[in-house]
PDB file of N, CA and C in Angstrom:
ATOM      1  N   MET A   1     -78.019-108.436 151.536  1.00  0.00           N
ATOM      2  CA  MET A   1     -77.783-109.769 151.002  1.00  0.00           C
ATOM      3  C   MET A   1     -76.289-109.986 150.834  1.00  0.00           C
ATOM      4  N   ALA A   2     -75.845-111.163 151.113  1.00  0.00           N
ATOM      5  CA  ALA A   2     -74.435-111.526 151.033  1.00  0.00           C
ATOM      6  C   ALA A   2     -74.011-111.795 149.588  1.00  0.00           C
ATOM      7  N   LEU A   3     -72.722-111.934 149.427  1.00  0.00           N
ATOM      8  CA  LEU A   3     -72.150-112.288 148.135  1.00  0.00           C
ATOM      9  C   LEU A   3     -72.799-113.575 147.634  1.00  0.00           C
ATOM     10  N   GLN A   4     -73.253-113.548 146.386  1.00  0.00           N
ATOM     11  CA  GLN A   4     -73.853-114.746 145.818  1.00  0.00           C
ATOM     12  C   GLN A   4     -72.764-115.794 145.603  1.00  0.00           C
ATOM     13  N   LYS A   5     -73.047-117.016 145.956  1.00  0.00           N
ATOM     14  CA  LYS A   5     -72.069-118.100 145.933  1.00  0.00           C
ATOM     15  C   LYS A   5     -71.386-118.235 144.572  1.00  0.00           C
ATOM     16  N   ARG A   6     -72.122-118.068 143.508  1.00  0.00           N
ATOM     17  CA  ARG A   6     -71.540-118.272 142.182  1.00  0.00           C
ATOM     18  C   ARG A   6     -70.501-117.211 141.825  1.00  0.00           C
ATOM     19  N   TYR A   7     -70.441-116.096 142.581  1.00  0.00           N
ATOM     20  CA  TYR A   7     -69.477-115.035 142.299  1.00  0.00           C
ATOM     21  C   TYR A   7     -68.311-115.016 143.284  1.00  0.00           C
ATOM     22  N   LYS A   8     -68.255-115.956 144.191  1.00  0.00           N
ATOM     23  CA  LYS A   8     -67.195-115.976 145.193  1.00  0.00           C
ATOM     24  C   LYS A   8     -65.813-116.027 144.540  1.00  0.00           C
ATOM     25  N   ILE A   9     -65.644-116.851 143.530  1.00  0.00           N
ATOM     26  CA  ILE A   9     -64.347-116.964 142.858  1.00  0.00           C
ATOM     27  C   ILE A   9     -63.990-115.658 142.150  1.00  0.00           C
ATOM     28  N   ALA A  10     -64.970-114.977 141.586  1.00  0.00           N
ATOM     29  CA  ALA A  10     -64.708-113.693 140.916  1.00  0.00           C
ATOM     30  C   ALA A  10     -64.172-112.668 141.911  1.00  0.00           C
ATOM     31  N   LEU A  11     -64.795-112.597 143.093  1.00  0.00           N
ATOM     32  CA  LEU A  11     -64.317-111.676 144.116  1.00  0.00           C
ATOM     33  C   LEU A  11     -62.928-112.090 144.601  1.00  0.00           C
ATOM     34  N   GLU A  12     -62.718-113.363 144.815  1.00  0.00           N
ATOM     35  CA  GLU A  12     -61.413-113.834 145.277  1.00  0.00           C
ATOM     36  C   GLU A  12     -60.318-113.519 144.254  1.00  0.00           C
ATOM     37  N   THR A  13     -60.642-113.599 142.977  1.00  0.00           N
ATOM     38  CA  THR A  13     -59.677-113.253 141.929  1.00  0.00           C
ATOM     39  C   THR A  13     -59.302-111.785 142.008  1.00  0.00           C
ATOM     40  N   LYS A  14     -60.286-110.923 142.210  1.00  0.00           N
ATOM     41  CA  LYS A  14     -60.009-109.484 142.362  1.00  0.00           C
ATOM     42  C   LYS A  14     -59.159-109.236 143.609  1.00  0.00           C
ATOM     43  N   LEU A  15     -59.449-109.937 144.697  1.00  0.00           N
ATOM     44  CA  LEU A  15     -58.673-109.759 145.922  1.00  0.00           C
ATOM     45  C   LEU A  15     -57.253-110.295 145.766  1.00  0.00           C
ATOM     46  N   ASP A  16     -57.072-111.347 144.964  1.00  0.00           N
ATOM     47  CA  ASP A  16     -55.718-111.821 144.651  1.00  0.00           C
ATOM     48  C   ASP A  16     -54.947-110.754 143.880  1.00  0.00           C
ATOM     49  N   GLN A  17     -55.613-110.123 142.930  1.00  0.00           N
ATOM     50  CA  GLN A  17     -54.981-109.033 142.182  1.00  0.00           C
ATOM     51  C   GLN A  17     -54.586-107.907 143.142  1.00  0.00           C
ATOM     52  N   LEU A  18     -55.474-107.559 144.046  1.00  0.00           N
ATOM     53  CA  LEU A  18     -55.204-106.519 145.036  1.00  0.00           C
ATOM     54  C   LEU A  18     -53.995-106.899 145.892  1.00  0.00           C
ATOM     55  N   TRP A  19     -53.905-108.150 146.298  1.00  0.00           N
ATOM     56  CA  TRP A  19     -52.799-108.616 147.133  1.00  0.00           C
ATOM     57  C   TRP A  19     -51.462-108.509 146.382  1.00  0.00           C
ATOM     58  N   HIS A  20     -51.450-108.961 145.140  1.00  0.00           N
ATOM     59  CA  HIS A  20     -50.191-109.038 144.395  1.00  0.00           C
ATOM     60  C   HIS A  20     -49.800-107.738 143.712  1.00  0.00           C
ATOM     61  N   GLN A  21     -50.771-106.971 143.243  1.00  0.00           N
ATOM     62  CA  GLN A  21     -50.468-105.731 142.530  1.00  0.00           C
ATOM     63  C   GLN A  21     -50.611-104.492 143.396  1.00  0.00           C
ATOM     64  N   GLY A  22     -51.322-104.610 144.498  1.00  0.00           N
ATOM     65  CA  GLY A  22     -51.531-103.460 145.371  1.00  0.00           C
ATOM     66  C   GLY A  22     -52.792-102.681 145.049  1.00  0.00           C
ATOM     67  N   PHE A  23     -53.475-103.061 143.980  1.00  0.00           N
ATOM     68  CA  PHE A  23     -54.724-102.398 143.605  1.00  0.00           C
ATOM     69  C   PHE A  23     -55.565-103.339 142.757  1.00  0.00           C
ATOM     70  N   CYS A  24     -56.843-103.027 142.670  1.00  0.00           N
ATOM     71  CA  CYS A  24     -57.731-103.687 141.712  1.00  0.00           C
ATOM     72  C   CYS A  24     -58.864-102.725 141.378  1.00  0.00           C
ATOM     73  N   VAL A  25     -59.495-102.954 140.253  1.00  0.00           N
ATOM     74  CA  VAL A  25     -60.604-102.122 139.794  1.00  0.00           C
ATOM     75  C   VAL A  25     -61.888-102.940 139.895  1.00  0.00           C
ATOM     76  N   LEU A  26     -62.883-102.340 140.520  1.00  0.00           N
ATOM     77  CA  LEU A  26     -64.207-102.954 140.599  1.00  0.00           C
ATOM     78  C   LEU A  26     -65.204-102.038 139.909  1.00  0.00           C
ATOM     79  N   GLU A  27     -65.978-102.598 139.036  1.00  0.00           N
ATOM     80  CA  GLU A  27     -67.015-101.842 138.336  1.00  0.00           C
ATOM     81  C   GLU A  27     -68.327-101.985 139.087  1.00  0.00           C
ATOM     82  N   ARG A  28     -69.145-100.968 139.008  1.00  0.00           N
ATOM     83  CA  ARG A  28     -70.445-100.975 139.689  1.00  0.00           C
ATOM     84  C   ARG A  28     -71.282-102.184 139.276  1.00  0.00           C
ATOM     85  N   TRP A  29     -71.294-102.503 137.995  1.00  0.00           N
ATOM     86  CA  TRP A  29     -72.106-103.622 137.529  1.00  0.00           C
ATOM     87  C   TRP A  29     -71.646-104.937 138.154  1.00  0.00           C
ATOM     88  N   GLU A  30     -70.325-105.093 138.377  1.00  0.00           N
ATOM     89  CA  GLU A  30     -69.827-106.314 139.012  1.00  0.00           C
ATOM     90  C   GLU A  30     -70.375-106.427 140.440  1.00  0.00           C
ATOM     91  N   LEU A  31     -70.227-105.358 141.193  1.00  0.00           N
ATOM     92  CA  LEU A  31     -70.694-105.378 142.582  1.00  0.00           C
ATOM     93  C   LEU A  31     -72.203-105.594 142.648  1.00  0.00           C
ATOM     94  N   ALA A  32     -72.937-104.936 141.753  1.00  0.00           N
ATOM     95  CA  ALA A  32     -74.394-105.095 141.729  1.00  0.00           C
ATOM     96  C   ALA A  32     -74.781-106.547 141.446  1.00  0.00           C
ATOM     97  N   ALA A  33     -74.088-107.174 140.504  1.00  0.00           N
ATOM     98  CA  ALA A  33     -74.373-108.573 140.173  1.00  0.00           C
ATOM     99  C   ALA A  33     -73.938-109.505 141.295  1.00  0.00           C
ATOM    100  N   TRP A  34     -72.736-109.314 141.801  1.00  0.00           N
ATOM    101  CA  TRP A  34     -72.193-110.212 142.818  1.00  0.00           C
ATOM    102  C   TRP A  34     -73.026-110.214 144.092  1.00  0.00           C
ATOM    103  N   PHE A  35     -73.525-109.027 144.471  1.00  0.00           N
ATOM    104  CA  PHE A  35     -74.259-108.904 145.729  1.00  0.00           C
ATOM    105  C   PHE A  35     -75.766-108.795 145.523  1.00  0.00           C
ATOM    106  N   ASN A  36     -76.214-108.858 144.262  1.00  0.00           N
ATOM    107  CA  ASN A  36     -77.627-108.785 143.914  1.00  0.00           C
ATOM    108  C   ASN A  36     -78.285-107.555 144.538  1.00  0.00           C
ATOM    109  N   LYS A  37     -77.650-106.398 144.319  1.00  0.00           N
ATOM    110  CA  LYS A  37     -78.135-105.132 144.874  1.00  0.00           C
ATOM    111  C   LYS A  37     -78.133-104.064 143.793  1.00  0.00           C
ATOM    112  N   ASP A  38     -79.051-103.138 143.916  1.00  0.00           N
ATOM    113  CA  ASP A  38     -79.052-101.978 143.030  1.00  0.00           C
ATOM    114  C   ASP A  38     -78.115-100.896 143.548  1.00  0.00           C
ATOM    115  N   ARG A  39     -78.020-100.793 144.877  1.00  0.00           N
ATOM    116  CA  ARG A  39     -77.164 -99.782 145.508  1.00  0.00           C
ATOM    117  C   ARG A  39     -75.959-100.458 146.149  1.00  0.00           C
ATOM    118  N   ILE A  40     -74.802 -99.816 146.020  1.00  0.00           N
ATOM    119  CA  ILE A  40     -73.586-100.323 146.639  1.00  0.00           C
ATOM    120  C   ILE A  40     -73.480 -99.651 148.004  1.00  0.00           C
ATOM    121  N   THR A  41     -73.823-100.398 149.040  1.00  0.00           N
ATOM    122  CA  THR A  41     -73.927 -99.858 150.395  1.00  0.00           C
ATOM    123  C   THR A  41     -72.716-100.252 151.241  1.00  0.00           C
ATOM    124  N   ASN A  42     -72.705 -99.765 152.474  1.00  0.00           N
ATOM    125  CA  ASN A  42     -71.640-100.119 153.410  1.00  0.00           C
ATOM    126  C   ASN A  42     -71.555-101.625 153.631  1.00  0.00           C
ATOM    127  N   VAL A  43     -72.674-102.298 153.542  1.00  0.00           N
ATOM    128  CA  VAL A  43     -72.699-103.746 153.743  1.00  0.00           C
ATOM    129  C   VAL A  43     -71.829-104.444 152.697  1.00  0.00           C
ATOM    130  N   VAL A  44     -71.875-103.975 151.474  1.00  0.00           N
ATOM    131  CA  VAL A  44     -71.066-104.547 150.394  1.00  0.00           C
ATOM    132  C   VAL A  44     -69.585-104.358 150.705  1.00  0.00           C
ATOM    133  N   TRP A  45     -69.190-103.135 151.044  1.00  0.00           N
ATOM    134  CA  TRP A  45     -67.780-102.839 151.333  1.00  0.00           C
ATOM    135  C   TRP A  45     -67.307-103.621 152.552  1.00  0.00           C
ATOM    136  N   ARG A  46     -68.155-103.763 153.554  1.00  0.00           N
ATOM    137  CA  ARG A  46     -67.802-104.512 154.754  1.00  0.00           C
ATOM    138  C   ARG A  46     -67.538-105.975 154.408  1.00  0.00           C
ATOM    139  N   GLU A  47     -68.376-106.544 153.560  1.00  0.00           N
ATOM    140  CA  GLU A  47     -68.192-107.949 153.194  1.00  0.00           C
ATOM    141  C   GLU A  47     -66.926-108.139 152.360  1.00  0.00           C
ATOM    142  N   ILE A  48     -66.629-107.198 151.489  1.00  0.00           N
ATOM    143  CA  ILE A  48     -65.386-107.278 150.719  1.00  0.00           C
ATOM    144  C   ILE A  48     -64.189-107.255 151.671  1.00  0.00           C
ATOM    145  N   LEU A  49     -64.203-106.339 152.627  1.00  0.00           N
ATOM    146  CA  LEU A  49     -63.115-106.247 153.603  1.00  0.00           C
ATOM    147  C   LEU A  49     -63.006-107.529 154.433  1.00  0.00           C
ATOM    148  N   GLU A  50     -64.127-108.076 154.847  1.00  0.00           N
ATOM    149  CA  GLU A  50     -64.107-109.319 155.622  1.00  0.00           C
ATOM    150  C   GLU A  50     -63.526-110.468 154.810  1.00  0.00           C
ATOM    151  N   ASN A  51     -63.881-110.545 153.528  1.00  0.00           N
ATOM    152  CA  ASN A  51     -63.314-111.579 152.659  1.00  0.00           C
ATOM    153  C   ASN A  51     -61.807-111.391 152.524  1.00  0.00           C
ATOM    154  N   TRP A  52     -61.369-110.149 152.357  1.00  0.00           N
ATOM    155  CA  TRP A  52     -59.946-109.817 152.261  1.00  0.00           C
ATOM    156  C   TRP A  52     -59.208-110.312 153.514  1.00  0.00           C
ATOM    157  N   GLN A  53     -59.754-110.008 154.673  1.00  0.00           N
ATOM    158  CA  GLN A  53     -59.110-110.398 155.922  1.00  0.00           C
ATOM    159  C   GLN A  53     -59.120-111.918 156.110  1.00  0.00           C
ATOM    160  N   ASP A  54     -60.206-112.569 155.715  1.00  0.00           N
ATOM    161  CA  ASP A  54     -60.304-114.020 155.861  1.00  0.00           C
ATOM    162  C   ASP A  54     -59.345-114.751 154.921  1.00  0.00           C
ATOM    163  N   ILE A  55     -59.289-114.334 153.669  1.00  0.00           N
ATOM    164  CA  ILE A  55     -58.453-115.010 152.678  1.00  0.00           C
ATOM    165  C   ILE A  55     -56.987-114.959 153.078  1.00  0.00           C
ATOM    166  N   TYR A  56     -56.550-113.797 153.536  1.00  0.00           N
ATOM    167  CA  TYR A  56     -55.134-113.612 153.839  1.00  0.00           C
ATOM    168  C   TYR A  56     -54.837-113.678 155.331  1.00  0.00           C
ATOM    169  N   ASP A  57     -55.812-114.123 156.121  1.00  0.00           N
ATOM    170  CA  ASP A  57     -55.646-114.314 157.557  1.00  0.00           C
ATOM    171  C   ASP A  57     -55.010-113.085 158.211  1.00  0.00           C
ATOM    172  N   LEU A  58     -55.614-111.921 157.948  1.00  0.00           N
ATOM    173  CA  LEU A  58     -55.097-110.653 158.441  1.00  0.00           C
ATOM    174  C   LEU A  58     -55.866-110.180 159.656  1.00  0.00           C
ATOM    175  N   LYS A  59     -55.192-109.426 160.486  1.00  0.00           N
ATOM    176  CA  LYS A  59     -55.856-108.774 161.604  1.00  0.00           C
ATOM    177  C   LYS A  59     -56.642-107.593 161.059  1.00  0.00           C
ATOM    178  N   VAL A  60     -57.570-107.097 161.838  1.00  0.00           N
ATOM    179  CA  VAL A  60     -58.457-106.022 161.381  1.00  0.00           C
ATOM    180  C   VAL A  60     -57.683-104.807 160.878  1.00  0.00           C
ATOM    181  N   ASP A  61     -56.643-104.387 161.581  1.00  0.00           N
ATOM    182  CA  ASP A  61     -55.911-103.182 161.201  1.00  0.00           C
ATOM    183  C   ASP A  61     -54.758-103.433 160.236  1.00  0.00           C
ATOM    184  N   GLU A  62     -54.519-104.692 159.907  1.00  0.00           N
ATOM    185  CA  GLU A  62     -53.394-105.029 159.057  1.00  0.00           C
ATOM    186  C   GLU A  62     -53.727-104.773 157.588  1.00  0.00           C
ATOM    187  N   ARG A  63     -52.820-104.118 156.896  1.00  0.00           N
ATOM    188  CA  ARG A  63     -52.970-103.807 155.480  1.00  0.00           C
ATOM    189  C   ARG A  63     -54.323-103.160 155.152  1.00  0.00           C
ATOM    190  N   PRO A  64     -54.578-101.999 155.700  1.00  0.00           N
ATOM    191  CA  PRO A  64     -55.873-101.350 155.427  1.00  0.00           C
ATOM    192  C   PRO A  64     -56.019-101.006 153.942  1.00  0.00           C
ATOM    193  N   LEU A  65     -57.245-100.935 153.527  1.00  0.00           N
ATOM    194  CA  LEU A  65     -57.566-100.656 152.125  1.00  0.00           C
ATOM    195  C   LEU A  65     -58.238 -99.297 152.008  1.00  0.00           C
ATOM    196  N   ASN A  66     -58.053 -98.658 150.889  1.00  0.00           N
ATOM    197  CA  ASN A  66     -58.769 -97.425 150.550  1.00  0.00           C
ATOM    198  C   ASN A  66     -59.493 -97.629 149.237  1.00  0.00           C
ATOM    199  N   VAL A  67     -60.560 -96.879 149.056  1.00  0.00           N
ATOM    200  CA  VAL A  67     -61.343 -96.945 147.820  1.00  0.00           C
ATOM    201  C   VAL A  67     -61.326 -95.567 147.160  1.00  0.00           C
ATOM    202  N   ILE A  68     -61.042 -95.558 145.880  1.00  0.00           N
ATOM    203  CA  ILE A  68     -61.113 -94.337 145.085  1.00  0.00           C
ATOM    204  C   ILE A  68     -62.355 -94.444 144.216  1.00  0.00           C
ATOM    205  N   LYS A  69     -63.254 -93.480 144.348  1.00  0.00           N
ATOM    206  CA  LYS A  69     -64.413 -93.398 143.461  1.00  0.00           C
ATOM    207  C   LYS A  69     -63.936 -92.642 142.227  1.00  0.00           C
ATOM    208  N   CYS A  70     -64.020 -93.260 141.073  1.00  0.00           N
ATOM    209  CA  CYS A  70     -63.395 -92.705 139.876  1.00  0.00           C
ATOM    210  C   CYS A  70     -64.218 -91.635 139.162  1.00  0.00           C
ATOM    211  N   ASP A  71     -65.362 -91.312 139.676  1.00  0.00           N
ATOM    212  CA  ASP A  71     -66.091 -90.137 139.193  1.00  0.00           C
ATOM    213  C   ASP A  71     -66.839 -89.542 140.375  1.00  0.00           C
ATOM    214  N   SER A  72     -67.223 -88.293 140.236  1.00  0.00           N
ATOM    215  CA  SER A  72     -67.798 -87.577 141.378  1.00  0.00           C
ATOM    216  C   SER A  72     -69.327 -87.598 141.410  1.00  0.00           C
ATOM    217  N   THR A  73     -69.923 -88.483 140.663  1.00  0.00           N
ATOM    218  CA  THR A  73     -71.381 -88.579 140.683  1.00  0.00           C
ATOM    219  C   THR A  73     -71.843 -89.265 141.964  1.00  0.00           C
ATOM    220  N   SER A  74     -73.120 -89.235 142.216  1.00  0.00           N
ATOM    221  CA  SER A  74     -73.646 -89.884 143.422  1.00  0.00           C
ATOM    222  C   SER A  74     -73.648 -91.406 143.287  1.00  0.00           C
ATOM    223  N   THR A  75     -73.518 -91.904 142.051  1.00  0.00           N
ATOM    224  CA  THR A  75     -73.426 -93.350 141.830  1.00  0.00           C
ATOM    225  C   THR A  75     -72.228 -93.645 140.933  1.00  0.00           C
ATOM    226  N   PRO A  76     -71.018 -93.623 141.507  1.00  0.00           N
ATOM    227  CA  PRO A  76     -69.818 -93.894 140.700  1.00  0.00           C
ATOM    228  C   PRO A  76     -69.911 -95.247 140.015  1.00  0.00           C
ATOM    229  N   GLN A  77     -69.347 -95.317 138.829  1.00  0.00           N
ATOM    230  CA  GLN A  77     -69.393 -96.545 138.038  1.00  0.00           C
ATOM    231  C   GLN A  77     -68.143 -97.401 138.211  1.00  0.00           C
ATOM    232  N   THR A  78     -67.053 -96.776 138.650  1.00  0.00           N
ATOM    233  CA  THR A  78     -65.785 -97.481 138.781  1.00  0.00           C
ATOM    234  C   THR A  78     -65.141 -97.144 140.115  1.00  0.00           C
ATOM    235  N   PHE A  79     -64.601 -98.163 140.755  1.00  0.00           N
ATOM    236  CA  PHE A  79     -63.910 -98.004 142.031  1.00  0.00           C
ATOM    237  C   PHE A  79     -62.534 -98.654 141.916  1.00  0.00           C
ATOM    238  N   VAL A  80     -61.523 -98.003 142.458  1.00  0.00           N
ATOM    239  CA  VAL A  80     -60.191 -98.594 142.552  1.00  0.00           C
ATOM    240  C   VAL A  80     -59.909 -98.813 144.032  1.00  0.00           C
ATOM    241  N   ILE A  81     -59.589-100.045 144.383  1.00  0.00           N
ATOM    242  CA  ILE A  81     -59.231-100.364 145.761  1.00  0.00           C
ATOM    243  C   ILE A  81     -57.712-100.475 145.806  1.00  0.00           C
ATOM    244  N   ILE A  82     -57.105 -99.808 146.791  1.00  0.00           N
ATOM    245  CA  ILE A  82     -55.653 -99.855 146.921  1.00  0.00           C
ATOM    246  C   ILE A  82     -55.264-100.281 148.341  1.00  0.00           C
ATOM    247  N   GLN A  83     -54.104-100.907 148.428  1.00  0.00           N
ATOM    248  CA  GLN A  83     -53.524-101.204 149.729  1.00  0.00           C
ATOM    249  C   GLN A  83     -52.822 -99.940 150.198  1.00  0.00           C
ATOM    250  N   LEU A  84     -53.249 -99.408 151.298  1.00  0.00           N
ATOM    251  CA  LEU A  84     -52.727 -98.143 151.796  1.00  0.00           C
ATOM    252  C   LEU A  84     -51.224 -98.196 152.056  1.00  0.00           C
ATOM    253  N   LYS A  85     -50.727 -99.303 152.578  1.00  0.00           N
ATOM    254  CA  LYS A  85     -49.300 -99.415 152.888  1.00  0.00           C
ATOM    255  C   LYS A  85     -48.422 -99.340 151.639  1.00  0.00           C
ATOM    256  N   ARG A  86     -48.993 -99.647 150.489  1.00  0.00           N
ATOM    257  CA  ARG A  86     -48.195 -99.640 149.257  1.00  0.00           C
ATOM    258  C   ARG A  86     -48.281 -98.322 148.518  1.00  0.00           C
ATOM    259  N   ALA A  87     -49.139 -97.423 148.976  1.00  0.00           N
ATOM    260  CA  ALA A  87     -49.288 -96.110 148.329  1.00  0.00           C
ATOM    261  C   ALA A  87     -48.128 -95.209 148.732  1.00  0.00           C
ATOM    262  N   LYS A  88     -47.667 -94.407 147.805  1.00  0.00           N
ATOM    263  CA  LYS A  88     -46.585 -93.447 148.040  1.00  0.00           C
ATOM    264  C   LYS A  88     -47.078 -92.046 147.701  1.00  0.00           C
ATOM    265  N   LYS A  89     -46.556 -91.067 148.389  1.00  0.00           N
ATOM    266  CA  LYS A  89     -46.879 -89.686 148.083  1.00  0.00           C
ATOM    267  C   LYS A  89     -46.068 -89.249 146.873  1.00  0.00           C
ATOM    268  N   MET A  90     -46.673 -88.491 145.991  1.00  0.00           N
ATOM    269  CA  MET A  90     -46.008 -88.050 144.769  1.00  0.00           C
ATOM    270  C   MET A  90     -44.738 -87.260 145.093  1.00  0.00           C
ATOM    271  N   LYS A  91     -44.804 -86.407 146.114  1.00  0.00           N
ATOM    272  CA  LYS A  91     -43.634 -85.585 146.442  1.00  0.00           C
ATOM    273  C   LYS A  91     -42.457 -86.458 146.887  1.00  0.00           C
ATOM    274  N   ASP A  92     -42.737 -87.592 147.531  1.00  0.00           N
ATOM    275  CA  ASP A  92     -41.659 -88.501 147.940  1.00  0.00           C
ATOM    276  C   ASP A  92     -41.028 -89.203 146.725  1.00  0.00           C
ATOM    277  N   MET A  93     -41.841 -89.445 145.714  1.00  0.00           N
ATOM    278  CA  MET A  93     -41.338 -90.099 144.503  1.00  0.00           C
ATOM    279  C   MET A  93     -40.508 -89.131 143.654  1.00  0.00           C
ATOM    280  N   ALA A  94     -40.813 -87.829 143.762  1.00  0.00           N
ATOM    281  CA  ALA A  94     -40.142 -86.820 142.951  1.00  0.00           C
ATOM    282  C   ALA A  94     -38.852 -86.312 143.596  1.00  0.00           C
ATOM    283  N   ALA A  95     -38.628 -86.701 144.840  1.00  0.00           N
ATOM    284  CA  ALA A  95     -37.451 -86.187 145.557  1.00  0.00           C
ATOM    285  C   ALA A  95     -36.172 -86.866 145.117  1.00  0.00           C
TER     286      ALA A  95
END
């Protein structure tokens, strides 16, 4: 199932945060509500990426995103999405 229409602005707000800050936090309950799903599947992540590319008129490979699962359980409760191009290696920051 696709993003529910009433949550489109909520997702766009998170993607604006991602664009301007380089990261955003998504909670499992948000994704479950927005997509009306019990499980957060590849379809959910694909639609988020498609919205990201559509909003900012990006090419498929432009500004790739990564997801950090904030706990190691089989059903993480918190996800951090980051813009890969804005990430720095710790050793480079310490030099």
